[in-house]
Amino acid sequence: MTPRSIPFYKAEACGNDFLIVDSAHMGKDVAGFSRRLCDRHRGIGADGVEWVSLDAHGRVHARLFNADGSEAEISGNGTRCVAAWCVETRGGSEVQVVTVAGEKECMLLRRSDYDFEFMTEMGRASVLGEKTITLEKGSEQGLEISTGNPHFVQFVDQFPSDWQTRACAIAESREFLHGTNVELVRVLGRNRIEFRIWERGAGETQSSGTGSCASAIAAIHSAKVVSPVEVYAPGGKQVVHWDGADALMLEGPARLICKGEFFV
């Protein structure tokens, strides 16, 4: 008897990797199944699963489940990965991706084989203001940003050797009802920053699309840089365009890695 299997694509954007799976295969325990798929030793391995479906208007609906099984509103990098999958499988150069955080339009700038570059309309972002939170080992101050999902941004001169421990404690603080993503940001120049991120539901990752946006927005709001901003992370560079109002645009790569079948 042949075991049941489900098809998948795997893609990455600046080192942030995702599985793209038809939502028809979600099953009753989507959180548990997402954890199983993302397991890097007993599954395929990824930061999250983008469960996708198409509607009658040709739009892609994507629900993102993190590696720990929690559902997130959106991933900027994951959205680009979904767009790359859509261009590869359906053609075209513009992809409308409907996320929990709203509809995002991805415009293909260039392509070479399985490497893609997109400009994505990220929607409205909000600067919620300064916030001080109390932890067991003292207090932490940062700037709260919403890019459709929550972020807590801190500026640093250097990345502390134990930044992961500090960021994890902030992300899991009871002062954030649904948790938060945490970014530590270094300003490199008038149009350049670099950051490290602790992602809610995934931990330390190589990069983040919404994290790049939040980091740039915080730096622009604080008059440390001007748009457009080159945002560097261990996984690569993205460019954020923000005019201080509604026009938030994110430019960055996505790459299809492989496709295959997962035995259930």
Protein backbone atom coordinates (compact mmCIF):
# COMPACT_ATOMS: atom_id res chain seq x y z
CA MET A 1 0.00 0.00 0.00
CA THR A 2 1.41 3.39 -1.01
CA PRO A 3 1.55 5.87 1.89
CA ARG A 4 -0.49 9.03 1.53
CA SER A 5 1.58 12.03 0.54
CA ILE A 6 1.05 15.75 0.03
CA PRO A 7 2.94 17.91 -2.47
CA PHE A 8 4.88 20.96 -1.31
CA TYR A 9 7.23 23.68 -2.52
CA LYS A 10 10.00 25.06 -0.38
CA ALA A 11 11.20 28.63 -0.82
CA GLU A 12 13.39 31.13 0.99
CA ALA A 13 13.68 34.90 1.12
CA CYS A 14 16.85 36.27 2.70
CA GLY A 15 17.32 32.98 4.55
CA ASN A 16 13.77 32.97 5.94
CA ASP A 17 12.43 29.62 4.69
CA PHE A 18 8.84 28.52 4.14
CA LEU A 19 6.88 25.55 2.93
CA ILE A 20 4.05 26.28 0.50
CA VAL A 21 1.25 23.74 0.75
CA ASP A 22 -2.30 23.65 -0.62
CA SER A 23 -4.73 24.43 2.20
CA ALA A 24 -6.81 21.41 1.15
CA HIS A 25 -4.24 19.34 3.07
CA MET A 26 -4.44 21.32 6.35
CA GLY A 27 -6.46 18.69 8.23
CA LYS A 28 -8.14 19.18 11.59
CA ASP A 29 -4.94 19.85 13.55
CA VAL A 30 -3.25 22.45 11.37
CA ALA A 31 -1.03 23.66 14.24
CA GLY A 32 0.32 20.17 14.94
CA PHE A 33 0.74 19.36 11.27
CA SER A 34 2.59 22.64 10.68
CA ARG A 35 4.97 21.82 13.54
CA ARG A 36 5.59 18.39 12.04
CA LEU A 37 6.31 19.78 8.58
CA CYS A 38 8.66 22.46 9.96
CA ASP A 39 10.66 20.08 12.16
CA ARG A 40 14.23 20.26 10.86
CA HIS A 41 15.07 16.73 11.98
CA ARG A 42 11.86 14.73 11.50
CA GLY A 43 10.06 16.88 8.96
CA ILE A 44 11.04 18.97 5.95
CA GLY A 45 12.28 21.92 7.96
CA ALA A 46 11.21 25.57 7.74
CA ASP A 47 10.44 28.73 9.70
CA GLY A 48 6.78 28.35 8.80
CA VAL A 49 4.13 26.95 6.47
CA GLU A 50 2.18 29.12 4.05
CA TRP A 51 -1.12 27.29 3.48
CA VAL A 52 -2.42 28.57 0.14
CA SER A 53 -5.60 28.51 -1.92
CA LEU A 54 -6.88 30.37 -4.98
CA ASP A 55 -10.18 32.24 -5.20
CA ALA A 56 -12.42 32.92 -8.19
CA HIS A 57 -10.67 36.26 -8.81
CA GLY A 58 -7.23 34.70 -9.15
CA ARG A 59 -5.99 35.92 -5.79
CA VAL A 60 -3.91 33.71 -3.52
CA HIS A 61 -5.12 33.32 0.06
CA ALA A 62 -2.28 32.50 2.45
CA ARG A 63 -2.47 31.50 6.10
CA LEU A 64 0.88 31.42 7.86
CA PHE A 65 1.62 28.98 10.68
CA ASN A 66 4.97 29.36 12.44
CA ALA A 67 7.33 26.52 13.23
CA ASP A 68 5.86 26.28 16.74
CA GLY A 69 2.34 25.87 15.37
CA SER A 70 1.11 29.37 16.18
CA GLU A 71 -0.66 31.38 13.48
CA ALA A 72 0.79 34.73 12.41
CA GLU A 73 -0.92 37.61 10.65
CA ILE A 74 1.68 37.91 7.89
CA SER A 75 5.30 37.43 6.89
CA GLY A 76 6.75 39.82 4.33
CA ASN A 77 9.32 37.24 3.27
CA GLY A 78 6.71 34.47 3.28
CA THR A 79 4.43 36.58 1.10
CA ARG A 80 7.21 36.98 -1.49
CA CYS A 81 7.80 33.23 -1.40
CA VAL A 82 4.11 32.67 -2.10
CA ALA A 83 4.34 35.16 -4.98
CA ALA A 84 7.35 33.30 -6.43
CA TRP A 85 5.44 30.01 -6.23
CA CYS A 86 2.46 31.63 -7.95
CA VAL A 87 4.53 33.08 -10.81
CA GLU A 88 6.27 29.73 -11.28
CA THR A 89 3.06 27.69 -11.33
CA ARG A 90 0.61 30.13 -12.95
CA GLY A 91 2.70 32.72 -14.77
CA GLY A 92 2.16 36.47 -14.79
CA SER A 93 4.07 39.28 -13.13
CA GLU A 94 1.64 40.60 -10.50
CA VAL A 95 0.31 38.53 -7.62
CA GLN A 96 -2.37 39.50 -5.11
CA VAL A 97 -1.78 37.67 -1.84
CA VAL A 98 -4.58 37.85 0.73
CA THR A 99 -3.19 37.48 4.26
CA VAL A 100 -4.75 37.82 7.70
CA ALA A 101 -3.23 41.33 7.69
CA GLY A 102 -4.93 42.24 4.41
CA GLU A 103 -4.28 41.98 0.69
CA LYS A 104 -0.71 42.57 -0.52
CA GLU A 105 0.26 43.09 -4.16
CA CYS A 106 3.60 41.66 -5.27
CA MET A 107 5.05 43.05 -8.50
CA LEU A 108 7.78 41.03 -10.20
CA LEU A 109 10.82 43.21 -10.91
CA ARG A 110 13.12 40.56 -12.36
CA ARG A 111 13.60 36.82 -12.55
CA SER A 112 16.46 34.46 -13.31
CA ASP A 113 15.50 30.78 -13.26
CA TYR A 114 14.25 30.17 -9.70
CA ASP A 115 15.44 33.50 -8.29
CA PHE A 116 12.88 36.30 -8.10
CA GLU A 117 12.84 39.94 -7.06
CA PHE A 118 9.58 41.60 -6.01
CA MET A 119 8.28 44.98 -4.94
CA THR A 120 5.47 44.41 -2.45
CA GLU A 121 2.81 46.84 -1.30
CA MET A 122 2.81 46.18 2.44
CA GLY A 123 -0.18 48.31 3.38
CA ARG A 124 -0.49 50.72 6.27
CA ALA A 125 2.02 50.79 9.10
CA SER A 126 1.62 52.52 12.46
CA VAL A 127 4.08 53.92 14.98
CA LEU A 128 2.39 53.20 18.29
CA GLY A 129 4.96 54.98 20.44
CA GLU A 130 7.62 54.36 23.05
CA LYS A 131 7.00 51.56 25.53
CA THR A 132 8.87 50.45 28.63
CA ILE A 133 8.37 46.90 29.83
CA THR A 134 9.47 45.32 33.07
CA LEU A 135 11.34 42.01 33.02
CA GLU A 136 12.87 39.88 35.77
CA LYS A 137 16.31 41.36 35.04
CA GLY A 138 15.24 45.00 34.71
CA SER A 139 13.32 47.10 32.24
CA GLU A 140 13.57 47.44 28.47
CA GLN A 141 12.54 50.40 26.37
CA GLY A 142 11.68 50.35 22.69
CA LEU A 143 9.43 51.66 19.96
CA GLU A 144 6.22 49.77 19.18
CA ILE A 145 5.47 49.41 15.47
CA SER A 146 2.59 47.67 13.70
CA THR A 147 3.09 46.44 10.14
CA GLY A 148 0.02 44.22 10.26
CA ASN A 149 1.80 42.26 12.99
CA PRO A 150 3.44 43.58 16.19
CA HIS A 151 7.07 44.71 16.59
CA PHE A 152 9.22 46.10 19.39
CA VAL A 153 12.30 47.93 18.07
CA GLN A 154 15.39 48.87 20.03
CA PHE A 155 18.41 50.81 18.74
CA VAL A 156 21.85 49.55 19.75
CA ASP A 157 25.45 50.54 19.07
CA GLN A 158 26.49 46.86 18.91
CA PHE A 159 24.57 43.61 19.11
CA PRO A 160 25.06 42.16 22.63
CA SER A 161 26.45 38.63 22.76
CA ASP A 162 23.33 37.51 24.63
CA TRP A 163 20.84 39.45 22.53
CA GLN A 164 18.77 36.31 21.87
CA THR A 165 18.05 35.81 25.58
CA ARG A 166 17.09 39.44 25.99
CA ALA A 167 14.91 39.48 22.88
CA CYS A 168 13.15 36.24 23.81
CA ALA A 169 12.24 37.64 27.24
CA ILE A 170 10.77 40.75 25.61
CA ALA A 171 8.86 38.76 23.00
CA GLU A 172 7.25 36.59 25.66
CA SER A 173 6.52 39.39 28.12
CA ARG A 174 3.00 39.38 29.56
CA GLU A 175 2.78 43.05 28.58
CA PHE A 176 2.25 41.89 24.99
CA LEU A 177 -1.07 40.09 24.96
CA HIS A 178 -0.29 38.11 21.81
CA GLY A 179 3.51 38.28 21.98
CA THR A 180 5.65 40.44 19.72
CA ASN A 181 8.53 40.35 17.26
CA VAL A 182 11.69 41.98 18.57
CA GLU A 183 14.27 43.83 16.48
CA LEU A 184 17.64 45.20 17.54
CA VAL A 185 18.78 47.86 15.06
CA ARG A 186 22.14 49.46 14.27
CA VAL A 187 22.27 52.57 12.11
CA LEU A 188 25.02 52.31 9.48
CA GLY A 189 24.42 55.52 7.52
CA ARG A 190 21.84 57.95 6.26
CA ASN A 191 20.09 55.24 4.22
CA ARG A 192 21.44 52.02 5.77
CA ILE A 193 20.66 49.96 8.86
CA GLU A 194 21.22 46.40 10.01
CA PHE A 195 19.17 44.38 12.44
CA ARG A 196 18.73 41.12 14.30
CA ILE A 197 15.32 39.64 14.90
CA TRP A 198 13.65 37.30 17.34
CA GLU A 199 10.43 36.24 15.64
CA ARG A 200 7.31 35.38 17.55
CA GLY A 201 6.71 31.66 17.00
CA ALA A 202 10.05 30.97 15.30
CA GLY A 203 12.82 32.44 17.44
CA GLU A 204 15.97 33.82 15.84
CA THR A 205 15.70 33.90 12.04
CA GLN A 206 18.01 35.02 9.26
CA SER A 207 15.75 37.90 8.27
CA SER A 208 12.17 39.17 8.21
CA GLY A 209 10.21 41.23 5.73
CA THR A 210 7.90 42.88 8.24
CA GLY A 211 10.86 43.13 10.63
CA SER A 212 12.83 44.99 7.95
CA CYS A 213 9.87 47.33 7.54
CA ALA A 214 9.46 47.89 11.27
CA SER A 215 13.19 48.53 11.72
CA ALA A 216 13.27 51.06 8.88
CA ILE A 217 10.07 52.77 10.03
CA ALA A 218 11.43 53.13 13.56
CA ALA A 219 14.68 54.60 12.21
CA ILE A 220 12.86 57.02 9.87
CA HIS A 221 10.43 58.05 12.62
CA SER A 222 13.37 58.71 14.96
CA ALA A 223 15.08 60.86 12.27
CA LYS A 224 18.07 58.51 12.14
CA VAL A 225 17.69 57.67 8.42
CA VAL A 226 15.68 58.75 5.39
CA SER A 227 13.76 56.65 2.87
CA PRO A 228 14.55 54.52 0.93
CA VAL A 229 16.40 52.45 3.52
CA GLU A 230 18.68 49.50 2.79
CA VAL A 231 18.06 46.98 5.56
CA TYR A 232 20.71 44.31 6.17
CA ALA A 233 20.28 41.07 8.12
CA PRO A 234 22.39 37.90 8.24
CA GLY A 235 20.23 36.49 5.43
CA GLY A 236 20.61 39.41 3.05
CA LYS A 237 19.40 42.88 2.06
CA GLN A 238 15.93 44.32 1.56
CA VAL A 239 14.94 47.88 0.71
CA VAL A 240 12.11 49.68 2.50
CA HIS A 241 10.32 52.68 0.99
CA TRP A 242 8.14 54.66 3.42
CA ASP A 243 6.84 58.22 3.13
CA GLY A 244 5.61 58.44 6.71
CA ALA A 245 2.01 57.85 5.71
CA ASP A 246 0.38 55.02 3.79
CA ALA A 247 2.94 54.14 1.14
CA LEU A 248 4.96 51.27 2.61
CA MET A 249 6.80 49.29 -0.04
CA LEU A 250 9.23 46.41 0.45
CA GLU A 251 11.72 45.34 -2.20
CA GLY A 252 13.46 42.01 -1.85
CA PRO A 253 14.31 38.58 -3.24
CA ALA A 254 12.69 35.16 -3.07
CA ARG A 255 14.02 31.83 -4.29
CA LEU A 256 12.29 28.55 -4.96
CA ILE A 257 14.46 25.79 -3.47
CA CYS A 258 12.68 22.55 -4.31
CA LYS A 259 9.39 20.74 -4.60
CA GLY A 260 8.47 17.28 -3.47
CA GLU A 261 6.08 15.09 -1.52
CA PHE A 262 5.75 14.64 2.21
CA PHE A 263 4.64 11.21 3.41
CA VAL A 264 1.86 11.55 5.97
